[in-house]
């Protein structure tokens, strides 16, 4: 679609259903393909494309768009980034996660078990959640009701202690 036509449709987006339809039919398949390449299976490209068009229809006062496809791709990329951030923030620990856990069931190598047993329970928990379960320090801090800085410090000290033991 030529930039002049796109900008004309963009200015009439709120009042003309045909403008919405033309932009959607022209760019929706392109955005789906673009997002599929960018985010793969991490999030749904269809959902992000729909969010992009919803944002487009709810926006006010557009300036002239020189490169419509690039502009829409950038808008879709930003929506995808927001969705990925939101998805990562929603990660929570399982309901049945128990504190204290059994260290012997988690670690196979005896020397690693012995090293971990030399740590206090909270440090063991932090190391377990970070290494074996893959949670970030921020998620661990939220779960254990500690500050982020406290978890980072305890993790760093625990790693140093483990290096000394091993």
Protein backbone atom coordinates (compact mmCIF):
# COMPACT_ATOMS: atom_id res chain seq x y z
CA UNK A 1 0.00 0.00 0.00
CA UNK A 2 1.30 3.43 -0.92
CA UNK A 3 2.13 5.77 1.93
CA UNK A 4 -0.36 8.45 0.82
CA UNK A 5 -3.23 5.97 0.78
CA UNK A 6 -2.13 4.49 4.10
CA UNK A 7 -2.00 7.91 5.76
CA UNK A 8 -5.41 8.84 4.34
CA UNK A 9 -6.86 5.60 5.75
CA UNK A 10 -5.08 6.17 9.03
CA UNK A 11 -6.62 9.62 9.42
CA UNK A 12 -10.10 8.17 8.76
CA UNK A 13 -9.66 5.10 10.96
CA UNK A 14 -12.11 6.28 13.63
CA UNK A 15 -14.91 7.18 11.26
CA UNK A 16 -14.59 4.82 8.31
CA UNK A 17 -15.03 1.07 8.75
CA UNK A 18 -13.73 0.53 5.25
CA UNK A 19 -10.42 2.17 6.26
CA UNK A 20 -10.01 -0.31 9.11
CA UNK A 21 -10.85 -3.19 6.79
CA UNK A 22 -8.36 -2.12 4.11
CA UNK A 23 -5.48 -1.66 6.55
CA UNK A 24 -6.31 -4.94 8.31
CA UNK A 25 -6.54 -6.98 5.10
CA UNK A 26 -3.33 -5.51 3.74
CA UNK A 27 -1.13 -5.74 6.83
CA UNK A 28 -2.53 -8.45 9.10
CA UNK A 29 -0.96 -11.40 7.18
CA UNK A 30 2.35 -9.56 6.91
CA UNK A 31 2.40 -8.84 10.65
CA UNK A 32 1.61 -12.49 11.47
CA UNK A 33 4.55 -13.67 9.31
CA UNK A 34 6.83 -11.01 10.78
CA UNK A 35 5.91 -11.92 14.36
CA UNK A 36 6.21 -15.66 13.68
CA UNK A 37 9.81 -15.10 12.65
CA UNK A 38 10.51 -12.83 15.61
CA UNK A 39 8.86 -14.60 18.55
CA UNK A 40 8.38 -18.14 17.25
CA UNK A 41 6.42 -20.15 19.78
CA UNK A 42 7.20 -17.97 22.80
CA UNK A 43 3.92 -16.10 22.44
CA UNK A 44 1.05 -16.21 20.01
CA UNK A 45 1.68 -14.05 16.92
CA UNK A 46 -2.07 -13.91 16.33
CA UNK A 47 -2.69 -12.39 19.77
CA UNK A 48 0.06 -9.84 19.29
CA UNK A 49 -1.23 -8.92 15.83
CA UNK A 50 -4.70 -8.38 17.28
CA UNK A 51 -3.25 -6.25 20.07
CA UNK A 52 -1.39 -4.22 17.46
CA UNK A 53 -4.56 -3.46 15.53
CA UNK A 54 -6.48 -2.68 18.70
CA UNK A 55 -3.78 -0.19 19.66
CA UNK A 56 -3.87 1.25 16.16
CA UNK A 57 -7.62 1.77 16.30
CA UNK A 58 -7.56 3.31 19.77
CA UNK A 59 -4.66 5.71 19.11
CA UNK A 60 -5.22 9.43 18.64
CA UNK A 61 -3.63 12.04 16.36
CA UNK A 62 -1.36 10.21 13.96
CA UNK A 63 1.52 12.00 12.36
CA UNK A 64 2.42 11.28 8.77
CA UNK A 65 3.85 7.78 8.35
CA UNK A 66 6.50 7.56 5.68
CA UNK A 67 7.03 3.78 5.80
CA UNK A 68 3.72 2.10 6.78
CA UNK A 69 4.98 -1.50 6.87
CA UNK A 70 8.01 -0.64 8.99
CA UNK A 71 5.87 1.48 11.28
CA UNK A 72 3.36 -1.34 11.84
CA UNK A 73 6.15 -3.91 12.32
CA UNK A 74 7.69 -1.68 14.97
CA UNK A 75 4.34 -1.33 16.68
CA UNK A 76 3.89 -5.13 16.60
CA UNK A 77 7.45 -5.68 17.90
CA UNK A 78 6.76 -3.35 20.83
CA UNK A 79 3.54 -5.22 21.62
CA UNK A 80 5.47 -8.51 21.50
CA UNK A 81 8.14 -7.15 23.86
CA UNK A 82 5.45 -6.02 26.29
CA UNK A 83 3.77 -9.43 26.13
CA UNK A 84 7.06 -11.23 26.76
CA UNK A 85 7.81 -9.01 29.76
CA UNK A 86 4.32 -9.61 31.12
CA UNK A 87 4.65 -13.36 30.55
CA UNK A 88 7.95 -13.45 32.48
CA UNK A 89 6.45 -11.48 35.38
CA UNK A 90 3.57 -13.93 35.71
CA UNK A 91 5.86 -16.84 36.51
CA UNK A 92 5.09 -18.12 39.97
CA UNK A 93 6.27 -20.99 42.07
CA UNK A 94 4.04 -24.05 42.21
CA UNK A 95 1.44 -24.17 44.99
CA UNK A 96 2.74 -27.48 46.31
CA UNK A 97 6.32 -26.27 46.62
CA UNK A 98 7.47 -27.16 50.10
CA UNK A 99 9.98 -25.44 52.30
CA UNK A 100 12.02 -27.43 53.65
CA UNK A 101 12.73 -29.68 50.72
CA UNK A 102 14.77 -32.86 50.79
CA UNK A 103 18.24 -32.12 49.49
CA UNK A 104 19.10 -35.80 49.11
CA UNK A 105 16.35 -36.28 46.54
CA UNK A 106 17.50 -33.34 44.41
CA UNK A 107 21.23 -33.78 44.02
CA UNK A 108 22.86 -36.91 42.71
CA UNK A 109 26.56 -36.32 43.31
CA UNK A 110 27.58 -36.94 46.89
CA UNK A 111 30.24 -34.21 46.98
CA UNK A 112 27.69 -31.62 45.82
CA UNK A 113 25.21 -32.85 48.45
CA UNK A 114 27.82 -32.47 51.16
CA UNK A 115 28.71 -28.98 49.96
CA UNK A 116 25.09 -27.90 49.90
CA UNK A 117 24.46 -29.30 53.37
CA UNK A 118 27.10 -26.87 54.69
CA UNK A 119 24.85 -23.96 53.63
CA UNK A 120 21.98 -22.66 55.74
CA UNK A 121 18.45 -23.67 54.72
CA UNK A 122 17.63 -20.33 53.08
CA UNK A 123 20.79 -20.39 50.96
CA UNK A 124 20.06 -23.98 49.93
CA UNK A 125 16.59 -22.90 48.88
CA UNK A 126 17.91 -19.96 46.85
CA UNK A 127 20.49 -22.13 45.08
CA UNK A 128 17.92 -24.83 44.38
CA UNK A 129 15.33 -22.41 43.00
CA UNK A 130 17.88 -20.57 40.89
CA UNK A 131 19.86 -23.49 39.44
CA UNK A 132 17.47 -26.44 39.35
CA UNK A 133 14.15 -24.66 38.88
CA UNK A 134 15.45 -21.74 36.82
CA UNK A 135 13.76 -18.92 38.73
CA UNK A 136 15.25 -15.45 38.66
CA UNK A 137 16.53 -13.77 41.81
CA UNK A 138 13.56 -11.39 41.67
CA UNK A 139 11.07 -14.28 41.59
CA UNK A 140 12.87 -15.97 44.48
CA UNK A 141 12.83 -12.73 46.46
CA UNK A 142 9.07 -12.43 45.97
CA UNK A 143 8.48 -16.04 46.98
CA UNK A 144 10.72 -15.94 50.07
CA UNK A 145 9.57 -12.43 51.05
CA UNK A 146 13.10 -11.08 50.93
CA UNK A 147 14.53 -8.09 49.14
CA UNK A 148 16.05 -8.63 45.72
CA UNK A 149 19.42 -7.37 46.99
CA UNK A 150 19.29 -9.80 49.91
CA UNK A 151 18.67 -12.77 47.60
CA UNK A 152 21.48 -11.71 45.28
CA UNK A 153 23.87 -11.35 48.21
CA UNK A 154 22.89 -14.70 49.73
CA UNK A 155 23.22 -16.40 46.33
CA UNK A 156 26.63 -14.87 45.73
CA UNK A 157 27.87 -15.92 49.17
CA UNK A 158 26.41 -19.40 48.70
CA UNK A 159 28.18 -19.80 45.34
CA UNK A 160 31.45 -18.66 46.93
CA UNK A 161 30.98 -21.16 49.77
CA UNK A 162 30.24 -23.95 47.32
CA UNK A 163 33.40 -23.14 45.38
CA UNK A 164 35.40 -23.44 48.61
CA UNK A 165 33.78 -26.76 49.54
CA UNK A 166 34.22 -28.26 46.11
